[in-house]
PDB file of N, CA and C in Angstrom:
ATOM      1  N   UNK A   1     -47.299  13.399  68.453  1.00  0.00           N
ATOM      2  CA  UNK A   1     -47.654  13.259  69.969  1.00  0.00           C
ATOM      3  C   UNK A   1     -46.866  12.141  70.294  1.00  0.00           C
ATOM      4  N   UNK A   2     -46.687  11.792  71.608  1.00  0.00           N
ATOM      5  CA  UNK A   2     -45.399  11.612  71.860  1.00  0.00           C
ATOM      6  C   UNK A   2     -46.018  10.004  72.427  1.00  0.00           C
ATOM      7  N   UNK A   3     -45.332   8.630  72.351  1.00  0.00           N
ATOM      8  CA  UNK A   3     -45.741   7.769  72.374  1.00  0.00           C
ATOM      9  C   UNK A   3     -44.892   6.704  73.780  1.00  0.00           C
ATOM     10  N   UNK A   4     -44.892   6.586  74.584  1.00  0.00           N
ATOM     11  CA  UNK A   4     -43.865   5.650  75.604  1.00  0.00           C
ATOM     12  C   UNK A   4     -44.751   4.314  75.632  1.00  0.00           C
ATOM     13  N   UNK A   5     -44.018   3.203  76.098  1.00  0.00           N
ATOM     14  CA  UNK A   5     -43.992   2.066  76.977  1.00  0.00           C
ATOM     15  C   UNK A   5     -43.334   1.080  77.463  1.00  0.00           C
ATOM     16  N   UNK A   6     -43.876   0.126  77.973  1.00  0.00           N
ATOM     17  CA  UNK A   6     -42.889  -1.055  78.877  1.00  0.00           C
ATOM     18  C   UNK A   6     -42.183  -1.747  77.955  1.00  0.00           C
ATOM     19  N   UNK A   7     -40.513  -1.735  77.464  1.00  0.00           N
ATOM     20  CA  UNK A   7     -39.906  -2.245  77.064  1.00  0.00           C
ATOM     21  C   UNK A   7     -40.006  -3.982  77.028  1.00  0.00           C
ATOM     22  N   UNK A   8     -40.695  -4.775  78.144  1.00  0.00           N
ATOM     23  CA  UNK A   8     -40.938  -5.981  78.598  1.00  0.00           C
ATOM     24  C   UNK A   8     -41.959  -6.614  77.573  1.00  0.00           C
ATOM     25  N   UNK A   9     -43.044  -5.109  77.865  1.00  0.00           N
ATOM     26  CA  UNK A   9     -44.180  -5.126  77.247  1.00  0.00           C
ATOM     27  C   UNK A   9     -44.291  -5.439  75.831  1.00  0.00           C
ATOM     28  N   UNK A  10     -43.263  -4.418  74.842  1.00  0.00           N
ATOM     29  CA  UNK A  10     -42.815  -4.239  73.310  1.00  0.00           C
ATOM     30  C   UNK A  10     -42.533  -6.316  73.322  1.00  0.00           C
ATOM     31  N   UNK A  11     -41.578  -6.666  73.666  1.00  0.00           N
ATOM     32  CA  UNK A  11     -41.318  -7.771  73.693  1.00  0.00           C
ATOM     33  C   UNK A  11     -42.303  -8.682  73.643  1.00  0.00           C
ATOM     34  N   UNK A  12     -42.918  -8.988  74.433  1.00  0.00           N
ATOM     35  CA  UNK A  12     -44.429  -9.305  74.718  1.00  0.00           C
ATOM     36  C   UNK A  12     -45.246  -9.414  73.629  1.00  0.00           C
ATOM     37  N   UNK A  13     -45.723  -8.133  73.315  1.00  0.00           N
ATOM     38  CA  UNK A  13     -46.686  -7.688  72.003  1.00  0.00           C
ATOM     39  C   UNK A  13     -45.930  -8.323  70.757  1.00  0.00           C
ATOM     40  N   UNK A  14     -45.087  -8.195  70.546  1.00  0.00           N
ATOM     41  CA  UNK A  14     -43.854  -8.771  69.285  1.00  0.00           C
ATOM     42  C   UNK A  14     -44.207 -10.075  69.230  1.00  0.00           C
ATOM     43  N   UNK A  15     -44.129 -11.077  70.612  1.00  0.00           N
ATOM     44  CA  UNK A  15     -44.008 -12.487  70.252  1.00  0.00           C
ATOM     45  C   UNK A  15     -45.714 -12.461  70.386  1.00  0.00           C
ATOM     46  N   UNK A  16     -46.588 -11.945  70.759  1.00  0.00           N
ATOM     47  CA  UNK A  16     -48.349 -12.626  70.572  1.00  0.00           C
ATOM     48  C   UNK A  16     -48.835 -12.046  69.594  1.00  0.00           C
ATOM     49  N   UNK A  17     -48.536 -10.812  68.671  1.00  0.00           N
ATOM     50  CA  UNK A  17     -49.346 -10.021  68.043  1.00  0.00           C
ATOM     51  C   UNK A  17     -48.125 -10.068  66.690  1.00  0.00           C
ATOM     52  N   UNK A  18     -47.270 -10.145  66.972  1.00  0.00           N
ATOM     53  CA  UNK A  18     -46.303  -9.803  65.905  1.00  0.00           C
ATOM     54  C   UNK A  18     -46.072  -8.013  65.166  1.00  0.00           C
ATOM     55  N   UNK A  19     -46.728  -7.472  66.429  1.00  0.00           N
ATOM     56  CA  UNK A  19     -46.149  -6.187  66.236  1.00  0.00           C
ATOM     57  C   UNK A  19     -45.421  -5.214  67.635  1.00  0.00           C
ATOM     58  N   UNK A  20     -44.527  -4.626  66.958  1.00  0.00           N
ATOM     59  CA  UNK A  20     -44.026  -3.786  67.886  1.00  0.00           C
ATOM     60  C   UNK A  20     -44.807  -2.568  68.325  1.00  0.00           C
ATOM     61  N   UNK A  21     -44.984  -2.541  69.836  1.00  0.00           N
ATOM     62  CA  UNK A  21     -45.345  -0.970  70.039  1.00  0.00           C
ATOM     63  C   UNK A  21     -44.684   0.075  69.569  1.00  0.00           C
ATOM     64  N   UNK A  22     -43.734   0.295  69.143  1.00  0.00           N
ATOM     65  CA  UNK A  22     -43.748   1.499  68.235  1.00  0.00           C
ATOM     66  C   UNK A  22     -44.154   1.909  66.996  1.00  0.00           C
ATOM     67  N   UNK A  23     -45.084   0.654  66.412  1.00  0.00           N
ATOM     68  CA  UNK A  23     -45.616   0.858  65.006  1.00  0.00           C
ATOM     69  C   UNK A  23     -47.171   1.655  66.019  1.00  0.00           C
ATOM     70  N   UNK A  24     -47.017   1.932  66.604  1.00  0.00           N
ATOM     71  CA  UNK A  24     -48.306   2.540  67.345  1.00  0.00           C
ATOM     72  C   UNK A  24     -47.893   4.288  66.528  1.00  0.00           C
ATOM     73  N   UNK A  25     -46.619   5.125  66.490  1.00  0.00           N
ATOM     74  CA  UNK A  25     -46.296   5.754  66.066  1.00  0.00           C
ATOM     75  C   UNK A  25     -47.171   5.884  64.529  1.00  0.00           C
ATOM     76  N   UNK A  26     -47.602   5.171  63.899  1.00  0.00           N
ATOM     77  CA  UNK A  26     -48.346   5.121  63.000  1.00  0.00           C
ATOM     78  C   UNK A  26     -49.452   5.409  62.503  1.00  0.00           C
ATOM     79  N   UNK A  27     -50.005   5.555  64.114  1.00  0.00           N
ATOM     80  CA  UNK A  27     -51.566   5.094  64.061  1.00  0.00           C
ATOM     81  C   UNK A  27     -52.263   6.705  63.503  1.00  0.00           C
ATOM     82  N   UNK A  28     -53.347   6.212  62.958  1.00  0.00           N
ATOM     83  CA  UNK A  28     -53.821   7.474  62.029  1.00  0.00           C
ATOM     84  C   UNK A  28     -54.851   7.916  63.016  1.00  0.00           C
ATOM     85  N   UNK A  29     -54.987   8.835  64.005  1.00  0.00           N
ATOM     86  CA  UNK A  29     -56.189   9.031  65.099  1.00  0.00           C
ATOM     87  C   UNK A  29     -57.473   9.450  64.580  1.00  0.00           C
ATOM     88  N   UNK A  30     -57.018  10.182  63.174  1.00  0.00           N
ATOM     89  CA  UNK A  30     -58.523  10.659  62.152  1.00  0.00           C
ATOM     90  C   UNK A  30     -59.163  10.042  62.201  1.00  0.00           C
ATOM     91  N   UNK A  31     -59.006   8.531  61.808  1.00  0.00           N
ATOM     92  CA  UNK A  31     -60.069   7.348  61.845  1.00  0.00           C
ATOM     93  C   UNK A  31     -60.043   6.784  62.562  1.00  0.00           C
ATOM     94  N   UNK A  32     -59.797   7.129  63.926  1.00  0.00           N
ATOM     95  CA  UNK A  32     -60.480   5.896  65.383  1.00  0.00           C
ATOM     96  C   UNK A  32     -61.267   6.680  65.562  1.00  0.00           C
ATOM     97  N   UNK A  33     -61.984   5.073  66.004  1.00  0.00           N
ATOM     98  CA  UNK A  33     -63.369   5.070  67.350  1.00  0.00           C
ATOM     99  C   UNK A  33     -62.709   5.153  68.597  1.00  0.00           C
ATOM    100  N   UNK A  34     -62.698   5.408  69.568  1.00  0.00           N
ATOM    101  CA  UNK A  34     -62.389   5.409  70.829  1.00  0.00           C
ATOM    102  C   UNK A  34     -63.133   5.222  72.018  1.00  0.00           C
ATOM    103  N   UNK A  35     -63.239   3.953  72.509  1.00  0.00           N
ATOM    104  CA  UNK A  35     -64.304   3.734  73.306  1.00  0.00           C
ATOM    105  C   UNK A  35     -63.086   3.575  74.969  1.00  0.00           C
ATOM    106  N   UNK A  36     -63.661   3.857  76.623  1.00  0.00           N
ATOM    107  CA  UNK A  36     -63.116   3.692  77.683  1.00  0.00           C
ATOM    108  C   UNK A  36     -63.539   2.273  77.249  1.00  0.00           C
ATOM    109  N   UNK A  37     -62.070   1.589  78.141  1.00  0.00           N
ATOM    110  CA  UNK A  37     -61.721   0.160  78.640  1.00  0.00           C
ATOM    111  C   UNK A  37     -62.291  -0.285  79.621  1.00  0.00           C
ATOM    112  N   UNK A  38     -63.520  -1.034  79.471  1.00  0.00           N
ATOM    113  CA  UNK A  38     -63.934  -1.063  81.439  1.00  0.00           C
ATOM    114  C   UNK A  38     -64.473  -2.261  81.464  1.00  0.00           C
ATOM    115  N   UNK A  39     -63.698  -3.311  80.682  1.00  0.00           N
ATOM    116  CA  UNK A  39     -63.803  -4.529  81.310  1.00  0.00           C
ATOM    117  C   UNK A  39     -63.410  -4.824  82.119  1.00  0.00           C
ATOM    118  N   UNK A  40     -62.445  -4.264  83.130  1.00  0.00           N
ATOM    119  CA  UNK A  40     -61.811  -4.470  84.149  1.00  0.00           C
ATOM    120  C   UNK A  40     -61.841  -3.000  84.936  1.00  0.00           C
ATOM    121  N   UNK A  41     -61.602  -2.999  86.307  1.00  0.00           N
ATOM    122  CA  UNK A  41     -61.147  -1.925  87.245  1.00  0.00           C
ATOM    123  C   UNK A  41     -59.920  -1.813  87.134  1.00  0.00           C
ATOM    124  N   UNK A  42     -59.322  -0.774  87.006  1.00  0.00           N
ATOM    125  CA  UNK A  42     -57.244  -0.339  86.526  1.00  0.00           C
ATOM    126  C   UNK A  42     -57.301   0.893  87.072  1.00  0.00           C
ATOM    127  N   UNK A  43     -56.223   0.844  87.701  1.00  0.00           N
ATOM    128  CA  UNK A  43     -55.841   2.077  88.258  1.00  0.00           C
ATOM    129  C   UNK A  43     -55.880   3.087  87.592  1.00  0.00           C
ATOM    130  N   UNK A  44     -56.034   3.469  86.553  1.00  0.00           N
ATOM    131  CA  UNK A  44     -55.884   4.497  85.683  1.00  0.00           C
ATOM    132  C   UNK A  44     -57.028   3.995  84.463  1.00  0.00           C
ATOM    133  N   UNK A  45     -57.777   5.227  84.134  1.00  0.00           N
ATOM    134  CA  UNK A  45     -58.550   5.202  82.627  1.00  0.00           C
ATOM    135  C   UNK A  45     -57.614   4.521  81.919  1.00  0.00           C
ATOM    136  N   UNK A  46     -58.287   3.419  80.816  1.00  0.00           N
ATOM    137  CA  UNK A  46     -57.819   2.803  79.787  1.00  0.00           C
ATOM    138  C   UNK A  46     -58.389   3.073  78.894  1.00  0.00           C
ATOM    139  N   UNK A  47     -58.372   3.038  77.489  1.00  0.00           N
ATOM    140  CA  UNK A  47     -59.211   3.259  76.082  1.00  0.00           C
ATOM    141  C   UNK A  47     -58.658   2.524  75.210  1.00  0.00           C
ATOM    142  N   UNK A  48     -59.743   1.910  74.244  1.00  0.00           N
ATOM    143  CA  UNK A  48     -59.383   1.133  72.964  1.00  0.00           C
ATOM    144  C   UNK A  48     -59.562   2.242  72.318  1.00  0.00           C
ATOM    145  N   UNK A  49     -58.754   2.058  71.225  1.00  0.00           N
ATOM    146  CA  UNK A  49     -58.856   2.834  70.040  1.00  0.00           C
ATOM    147  C   UNK A  49     -58.714   2.227  68.708  1.00  0.00           C
ATOM    148  N   UNK A  50     -59.660   1.805  67.566  1.00  0.00           N
ATOM    149  CA  UNK A  50     -59.885   1.408  66.932  1.00  0.00           C
ATOM    150  C   UNK A  50     -59.663   1.989  65.491  1.00  0.00           C
ATOM    151  N   UNK A  51     -58.273   2.008  64.836  1.00  0.00           N
ATOM    152  CA  UNK A  51     -58.147   2.966  63.503  1.00  0.00           C
ATOM    153  C   UNK A  51     -56.748   2.126  62.808  1.00  0.00           C
ATOM    154  N   UNK A  52     -56.608   2.884  61.531  1.00  0.00           N
ATOM    155  CA  UNK A  52     -55.984   2.262  60.854  1.00  0.00           C
ATOM    156  C   UNK A  52     -54.066   3.047  61.014  1.00  0.00           C
ATOM    157  N   UNK A  53     -53.483   1.930  60.486  1.00  0.00           N
ATOM    158  CA  UNK A  53     -52.324   2.395  60.697  1.00  0.00           C
ATOM    159  C   UNK A  53     -52.120   1.675  58.726  1.00  0.00           C
ATOM    160  N   UNK A  54     -51.714   2.292  58.070  1.00  0.00           N
ATOM    161  CA  UNK A  54     -51.264   2.484  57.030  1.00  0.00           C
ATOM    162  C   UNK A  54     -52.741   2.000  56.506  1.00  0.00           C
ATOM    163  N   UNK A  55     -53.195   0.760  55.793  1.00  0.00           N
ATOM    164  CA  UNK A  55     -54.187  -0.003  54.842  1.00  0.00           C
ATOM    165  C   UNK A  55     -54.727  -1.091  55.721  1.00  0.00           C
ATOM    166  N   UNK A  56     -54.754  -0.962  57.015  1.00  0.00           N
ATOM    167  CA  UNK A  56     -54.885  -2.036  57.923  1.00  0.00           C
ATOM    168  C   UNK A  56     -55.575  -1.481  59.157  1.00  0.00           C
ATOM    169  N   UNK A  57     -56.527  -2.483  59.366  1.00  0.00           N
ATOM    170  CA  UNK A  57     -57.416  -1.501  60.917  1.00  0.00           C
ATOM    171  C   UNK A  57     -56.587  -2.485  62.069  1.00  0.00           C
ATOM    172  N   UNK A  58     -56.640  -1.499  62.860  1.00  0.00           N
ATOM    173  CA  UNK A  58     -55.697  -1.999  63.748  1.00  0.00           C
ATOM    174  C   UNK A  58     -56.393  -2.078  65.622  1.00  0.00           C
ATOM    175  N   UNK A  59     -56.256  -2.323  67.043  1.00  0.00           N
ATOM    176  CA  UNK A  59     -56.493  -1.702  67.850  1.00  0.00           C
ATOM    177  C   UNK A  59     -55.583  -1.814  69.113  1.00  0.00           C
ATOM    178  N   UNK A  60     -55.698  -0.358  69.613  1.00  0.00           N
ATOM    179  CA  UNK A  60     -54.290  -0.328  70.394  1.00  0.00           C
ATOM    180  C   UNK A  60     -55.455  -0.060  71.690  1.00  0.00           C
ATOM    181  N   UNK A  61     -54.312  -0.495  72.995  1.00  0.00           N
ATOM    182  CA  UNK A  61     -55.254  -0.068  74.090  1.00  0.00           C
ATOM    183  C   UNK A  61     -54.241   0.884  74.840  1.00  0.00           C
ATOM    184  N   UNK A  62     -54.314   1.570  75.647  1.00  0.00           N
ATOM    185  CA  UNK A  62     -53.544   2.989  75.988  1.00  0.00           C
ATOM    186  C   UNK A  62     -53.982   3.486  76.983  1.00  0.00           C
ATOM    187  N   UNK A  63     -53.267   4.123  77.550  1.00  0.00           N
ATOM    188  CA  UNK A  63     -53.586   5.422  78.759  1.00  0.00           C
ATOM    189  C   UNK A  63     -53.213   6.851  78.496  1.00  0.00           C
ATOM    190  N   UNK A  64     -53.171   7.639  78.841  1.00  0.00           N
ATOM    191  CA  UNK A  64     -52.560   8.908  78.971  1.00  0.00           C
ATOM    192  C   UNK A  64     -51.690   9.220  80.197  1.00  0.00           C
ATOM    193  N   UNK A  65     -50.888   9.708  79.616  1.00  0.00           N
ATOM    194  CA  UNK A  65     -49.860  10.141  80.616  1.00  0.00           C
ATOM    195  C   UNK A  65     -49.582  11.580  80.647  1.00  0.00           C
ATOM    196  N   UNK A  66     -49.801  12.574  81.004  1.00  0.00           N
ATOM    197  CA  UNK A  66     -49.571  13.772  80.583  1.00  0.00           C
ATOM    198  C   UNK A  66     -49.685  13.981  79.229  1.00  0.00           C
ATOM    199  N   UNK A  67     -48.399  13.836  78.384  1.00  0.00           N
ATOM    200  CA  UNK A  67     -48.296  14.566  77.362  1.00  0.00           C
ATOM    201  C   UNK A  67     -48.014  13.280  76.245  1.00  0.00           C
ATOM    202  N   UNK A  68     -48.480  12.154  76.912  1.00  0.00           N
ATOM    203  CA  UNK A  68     -47.745  11.024  76.402  1.00  0.00           C
ATOM    204  C   UNK A  68     -49.428  10.133  76.331  1.00  0.00           C
ATOM    205  N   UNK A  69     -49.088   9.212  74.958  1.00  0.00           N
ATOM    206  CA  UNK A  69     -50.054   8.292  74.767  1.00  0.00           C
ATOM    207  C   UNK A  69     -48.989   6.556  75.619  1.00  0.00           C
ATOM    208  N   UNK A  70     -49.499   5.554  76.383  1.00  0.00           N
ATOM    209  CA  UNK A  70     -48.555   5.115  76.806  1.00  0.00           C
ATOM    210  C   UNK A  70     -49.441   3.818  76.226  1.00  0.00           C
ATOM    211  N   UNK A  71     -48.756   2.948  75.461  1.00  0.00           N
ATOM    212  CA  UNK A  71     -49.391   2.095  74.377  1.00  0.00           C
ATOM    213  C   UNK A  71     -49.241   0.758  75.279  1.00  0.00           C
ATOM    214  N   UNK A  72     -49.934   0.101  75.581  1.00  0.00           N
ATOM    215  CA  UNK A  72     -50.261  -1.491  76.276  1.00  0.00           C
ATOM    216  C   UNK A  72     -50.255  -2.378  75.940  1.00  0.00           C
ATOM    217  N   UNK A  73     -51.261  -2.004  74.481  1.00  0.00           N
ATOM    218  CA  UNK A  73     -51.216  -3.353  73.668  1.00  0.00           C
ATOM    219  C   UNK A  73     -51.524  -3.090  72.183  1.00  0.00           C
ATOM    220  N   UNK A  74     -51.342  -2.908  71.243  1.00  0.00           N
ATOM    221  CA  UNK A  74     -51.481  -2.878  69.608  1.00  0.00           C
ATOM    222  C   UNK A  74     -51.558  -4.163  68.592  1.00  0.00           C
ATOM    223  N   UNK A  75     -52.277  -4.621  67.837  1.00  0.00           N
ATOM    224  CA  UNK A  75     -52.507  -5.961  67.012  1.00  0.00           C
ATOM    225  C   UNK A  75     -53.768  -5.620  66.195  1.00  0.00           C
ATOM    226  N   UNK A  76     -53.654  -6.303  65.203  1.00  0.00           N
ATOM    227  CA  UNK A  76     -54.327  -6.139  63.739  1.00  0.00           C
ATOM    228  C   UNK A  76     -55.995  -6.575  64.214  1.00  0.00           C
ATOM    229  N   UNK A  77     -56.844  -5.500  63.945  1.00  0.00           N
ATOM    230  CA  UNK A  77     -58.416  -6.008  64.461  1.00  0.00           C
ATOM    231  C   UNK A  77     -58.966  -7.145  63.729  1.00  0.00           C
ATOM    232  N   UNK A  78     -59.495  -7.811  64.711  1.00  0.00           N
ATOM    233  CA  UNK A  78     -60.331  -9.189  63.995  1.00  0.00           C
ATOM    234  C   UNK A  78     -61.611  -8.844  63.333  1.00  0.00           C
ATOM    235  N   UNK A  79     -62.095  -9.849  62.652  1.00  0.00           N
ATOM    236  CA  UNK A  79     -63.188 -10.227  61.468  1.00  0.00           C
ATOM    237  C   UNK A  79     -64.529  -8.616  62.496  1.00  0.00           C
ATOM    238  N   UNK A  80     -64.908  -9.241  63.715  1.00  0.00           N
ATOM    239  CA  UNK A  80     -65.658  -8.826  64.100  1.00  0.00           C
ATOM    240  C   UNK A  80     -65.409  -7.509  64.913  1.00  0.00           C
ATOM    241  N   UNK A  81     -64.175  -6.804  64.929  1.00  0.00           N
ATOM    242  CA  UNK A  81     -64.134  -5.555  65.251  1.00  0.00           C
ATOM    243  C   UNK A  81     -64.276  -4.627  64.026  1.00  0.00           C
ATOM    244  N   UNK A  82     -63.649  -5.406  62.954  1.00  0.00           N
ATOM    245  CA  UNK A  82     -63.677  -4.279  61.424  1.00  0.00           C
ATOM    246  C   UNK A  82     -65.168  -4.287  61.306  1.00  0.00           C
ATOM    247  N   UNK A  83     -66.079  -5.494  61.639  1.00  0.00           N
ATOM    248  CA  UNK A  83     -67.525  -5.261  61.164  1.00  0.00           C
ATOM    249  C   UNK A  83     -68.175  -4.368  62.048  1.00  0.00           C
ATOM    250  N   UNK A  84     -67.675  -4.387  63.170  1.00  0.00           N
ATOM    251  CA  UNK A  84     -67.983  -3.659  64.266  1.00  0.00           C
ATOM    252  C   UNK A  84     -67.759  -2.011  63.782  1.00  0.00           C
ATOM    253  N   UNK A  85     -66.447  -1.722  63.385  1.00  0.00           N
ATOM    254  CA  UNK A  85     -65.978  -0.663  62.776  1.00  0.00           C
ATOM    255  C   UNK A  85     -66.455   0.086  61.359  1.00  0.00           C
ATOM    256  N   UNK A  86     -67.058  -0.738  60.849  1.00  0.00           N
ATOM    257  CA  UNK A  86     -67.836  -0.597  59.117  1.00  0.00           C
ATOM    258  C   UNK A  86     -68.990  -0.045  60.302  1.00  0.00           C
ATOM    259  N   UNK A  87     -69.420  -0.473  61.026  1.00  0.00           N
ATOM    260  CA  UNK A  87     -71.168   0.245  61.589  1.00  0.00           C
ATOM    261  C   UNK A  87     -71.153   1.125  62.261  1.00  0.00           C
ATOM    262  N   UNK A  88     -70.198   1.729  62.490  1.00  0.00           N
ATOM    263  CA  UNK A  88     -70.155   2.897  62.949  1.00  0.00           C
ATOM    264  C   UNK A  88     -69.969   4.464  62.457  1.00  0.00           C
TER     265      UNK A  88
END
């Protein structure tokens, strides 16, 4: 799978969450629960994927661009998200 992102957003994500958006390359899609992100009206559909990178649960916000995943945000899941994931 191809991944892309805005380099400035990568720096911002690294500062805020301690993760580079390049880490999304290790996202294990077979473990993912994907929901459409409907919190706001976006110019294009956004999705929230909760799944594993290694042995840690992560949340990735992304959109699809032809054959690529455009990563918007990537962070470790919080306790509430871990619980919701376990209950699904």
